[in-house]
C-alpha atoms as a PDB file:
ATOM      1  CA  MET A   1     137.717  94.552 116.026  1.00  0.00           C
ATOM      2  CA  VAL A   2     136.221  91.504 117.722  1.00  0.00           C
ATOM      3  CA  LEU A   3     133.517  93.584 119.427  1.00  0.00           C
ATOM      4  CA  TYR A   4     132.391  95.038 116.092  1.00  0.00           C
ATOM      5  CA  GLU A   5     132.340  91.566 114.506  1.00  0.00           C
ATOM      6  CA  LEU A   6     130.341  90.191 117.435  1.00  0.00           C
ATOM      7  CA  GLU A   7     127.771  92.981 117.095  1.00  0.00           C
ATOM      8  CA  THR A   8     127.555  92.501 113.319  1.00  0.00           C
ATOM      9  CA  SER A   9     127.128  88.737 113.712  1.00  0.00           C
ATOM     10  CA  THR A  10     124.420  89.195 116.323  1.00  0.00           C
ATOM     11  CA  ILE A  11     122.545  91.682 114.124  1.00  0.00           C
ATOM     12  CA  LEU A  12     122.673  89.328 111.128  1.00  0.00           C
ATOM     13  CA  LEU A  13     121.296  86.405 113.138  1.00  0.00           C
ATOM     14  CA  ARG A  14     118.578  88.629 114.646  1.00  0.00           C
ATOM     15  CA  THR A  15     117.581  89.809 111.162  1.00  0.00           C
ATOM     16  CA  TYR A  16     116.707  86.216 110.338  1.00  0.00           C
ATOM     17  CA  ASN A  17     115.302  85.625 113.851  1.00  0.00           C
ATOM     18  CA  LEU A  18     117.546  82.606 114.227  1.00  0.00           C
ATOM     19  CA  ARG A  19     118.811  80.567 117.096  1.00  0.00           C
ATOM     20  CA  LEU A  20     120.621  77.278 116.946  1.00  0.00           C
ATOM     21  CA  GLN A  21     118.293  74.445 117.878  1.00  0.00           C
ATOM     22  CA  VAL A  22     118.850  70.756 118.445  1.00  0.00           C
ATOM     23  CA  ILE A  23     116.736  68.117 116.775  1.00  0.00           C
ATOM     24  CA  ASN A  24     115.472  65.921 119.583  1.00  0.00           C
ATOM     25  CA  GLU A  25     112.975  63.095 119.956  1.00  0.00           C
ATOM     26  CA  THR A  26     110.061  65.454 119.303  1.00  0.00           C
ATOM     27  CA  HIS A  27     111.369  66.124 115.787  1.00  0.00           C
ATOM     28  CA  LEU A  28     112.286  62.556 114.819  1.00  0.00           C
ATOM     29  CA  SER A  29     108.874  61.752 113.354  1.00  0.00           C
ATOM     30  CA  GLN A  30     109.428  64.548 110.811  1.00  0.00           C
ATOM     31  CA  HIS A  31     112.933  63.316 109.920  1.00  0.00           C
ATOM     32  CA  HIS A  32     112.725  59.551 109.405  1.00  0.00           C
ATOM     33  CA  TYR A  33     116.395  59.293 108.429  1.00  0.00           C
ATOM     34  CA  LEU A  34     117.581  60.469 111.883  1.00  0.00           C
ATOM     35  CA  THR A  35     117.899  58.322 114.985  1.00  0.00           C
ATOM     36  CA  ASN A  36     118.154  59.123 118.696  1.00  0.00           C
ATOM     37  CA  ASP A  37     121.927  58.717 118.404  1.00  0.00           C
ATOM     38  CA  ASP A  38     122.287  61.476 115.788  1.00  0.00           C
ATOM     39  CA  GLN A  39     123.336  64.986 116.772  1.00  0.00           C
ATOM     40  CA  CYS A  40     121.690  67.403 114.384  1.00  0.00           C
ATOM     41  CA  TYR A  41     121.181  71.164 114.656  1.00  0.00           C
ATOM     42  CA  PHE A  42     119.131  73.641 112.657  1.00  0.00           C
ATOM     43  CA  LEU A  43     118.685  77.386 112.404  1.00  0.00           C
ATOM     44  CA  GLY A  44     115.179  77.632 111.018  1.00  0.00           C
ATOM     45  CA  GLU A  45     112.194  75.739 109.715  1.00  0.00           C
ATOM     46  CA  PHE A  46     110.223  75.849 106.488  1.00  0.00           C
ATOM     47  CA  SER A  47     106.464  75.635 106.856  1.00  0.00           C
ATOM     48  CA  PRO A  48     104.587  75.100 103.579  1.00  0.00           C
ATOM     49  CA  GLY A  49     101.939  77.608 102.598  1.00  0.00           C
ATOM     50  CA  LEU A  50     101.751  81.021 101.000  1.00  0.00           C
ATOM     51  CA  ASP A  51     101.327  83.056 104.163  1.00  0.00           C
ATOM     52  CA  ASN A  52     103.952  84.298 106.602  1.00  0.00           C
ATOM     53  CA  TRP A  53     106.974  84.630 104.289  1.00  0.00           C
ATOM     54  CA  THR A  54     109.681  85.195 106.869  1.00  0.00           C
ATOM     55  CA  ASN A  55     113.324  85.787 105.954  1.00  0.00           C
ATOM     56  CA  ILE A  56     114.241  82.202 106.829  1.00  0.00           C
ATOM     57  CA  LYS A  57     111.310  80.764 104.880  1.00  0.00           C
ATOM     58  CA  ARG A  58     112.311  82.771 101.794  1.00  0.00           C
ATOM     59  CA  LEU A  59     115.925  81.645 102.238  1.00  0.00           C
ATOM     60  CA  ILE A  60     114.977  77.957 102.469  1.00  0.00           C
ATOM     61  CA  HIS A  61     112.538  78.293  99.561  1.00  0.00           C
ATOM     62  CA  ASN A  62     115.296  79.693  97.346  1.00  0.00           C
ATOM     63  CA  LEU A  63     117.751  77.005  98.466  1.00  0.00           C
ATOM     64  CA  LYS A  64     115.263  74.359  97.355  1.00  0.00           C
ATOM     65  CA  LYS A  65     115.083  75.755  93.801  1.00  0.00           C
ATOM     66  CA  ASN A  66     116.294  73.431  91.059  1.00  0.00           C
ATOM     67  CA  PRO A  67     119.802  74.539  90.013  1.00  0.00           C
ATOM     68  CA  THR A  68     119.047  73.640  86.389  1.00  0.00           C
ATOM     69  CA  ASP A  69     116.328  76.290  86.202  1.00  0.00           C
ATOM     70  CA  ILE A  70     118.418  79.188  84.914  1.00  0.00           C
ATOM     71  CA  GLY A  71     115.796  81.834  85.747  1.00  0.00           C
ATOM     72  CA  PHE A  72     116.008  81.059  89.452  1.00  0.00           C
ATOM     73  CA  TYR A  73     119.766  80.595  89.641  1.00  0.00           C
ATOM     74  CA  PRO A  74     120.546  84.120  90.968  1.00  0.00           C
ATOM     75  CA  TYR A  75     118.113  83.588  93.867  1.00  0.00           C
ATOM     76  CA  LYS A  76     119.624  80.206  94.680  1.00  0.00           C
ATOM     77  CA  GLU A  77     123.170  81.559  94.499  1.00  0.00           C
ATOM     78  CA  GLN A  78     122.266  84.481  96.772  1.00  0.00           C
ATOM     79  CA  SER A  79     120.636  82.094  99.255  1.00  0.00           C
ATOM     80  CA  ILE A  80     123.699  79.833  99.295  1.00  0.00           C
ATOM     81  CA  LEU A  81     125.921  82.836 100.060  1.00  0.00           C
ATOM     82  CA  GLN A  82     123.521  84.045 102.781  1.00  0.00           C
ATOM     83  CA  THR A  83     123.481  80.585 104.368  1.00  0.00           C
ATOM     84  CA  ILE A  84     127.270  80.447 104.372  1.00  0.00           C
ATOM     85  CA  SER A  85     127.363  83.871 106.013  1.00  0.00           C
ATOM     86  CA  LEU A  86     124.821  82.836 108.660  1.00  0.00           C
ATOM     87  CA  PHE A  87     126.823  79.764 109.618  1.00  0.00           C
ATOM     88  CA  GLU A  88     130.100  81.713 109.610  1.00  0.00           C
ATOM     89  CA  ASN A  89     128.552  84.265 111.949  1.00  0.00           C
ATOM     90  CA  LEU A  90     127.091  81.600 114.189  1.00  0.00           C
ATOM     91  CA  ILE A  91     130.453  79.838 114.455  1.00  0.00           C
ATOM     92  CA  PHE A  92     132.172  83.175 115.143  1.00  0.00           C
ATOM     93  CA  LEU A  93     129.708  83.953 117.941  1.00  0.00           C
ATOM     94  CA  PHE A  94     130.114  80.472 119.393  1.00  0.00           C
ATOM     95  CA  LEU A  95     133.913  80.682 119.412  1.00  0.00           C
ATOM     96  CA  ASN A  96     133.871  84.158 120.974  1.00  0.00           C
ATOM     97  CA  ARG A  97     131.143  83.637 123.542  1.00  0.00           C
ATOM     98  CA  LYS A  98     131.755  84.469 127.168  1.00  0.00           C
ATOM     99  CA  ASN A  99     132.026  81.391 129.353  1.00  0.00           C
END
């Protein structure tokens, strides 16, 4: 059971081409609200522009949609559920990693 879940989690994270990254001093200029003492992680980045619509860029774009705009609500809801699933899978992989 655990092996299947590990494979499924790995496939999901590969689909989005994700890896957990740490925000370090090179990122601080882009995130003025963070300091060197903060520990912050991210799975993907959003780069503005109309080209290169990757899975993660589409996910972030839909998460940023205004929840009061009813026409976009299904996309936002789907993106919230996908994000939850990505973090659940990442946590599962972390807890079941080989030391």
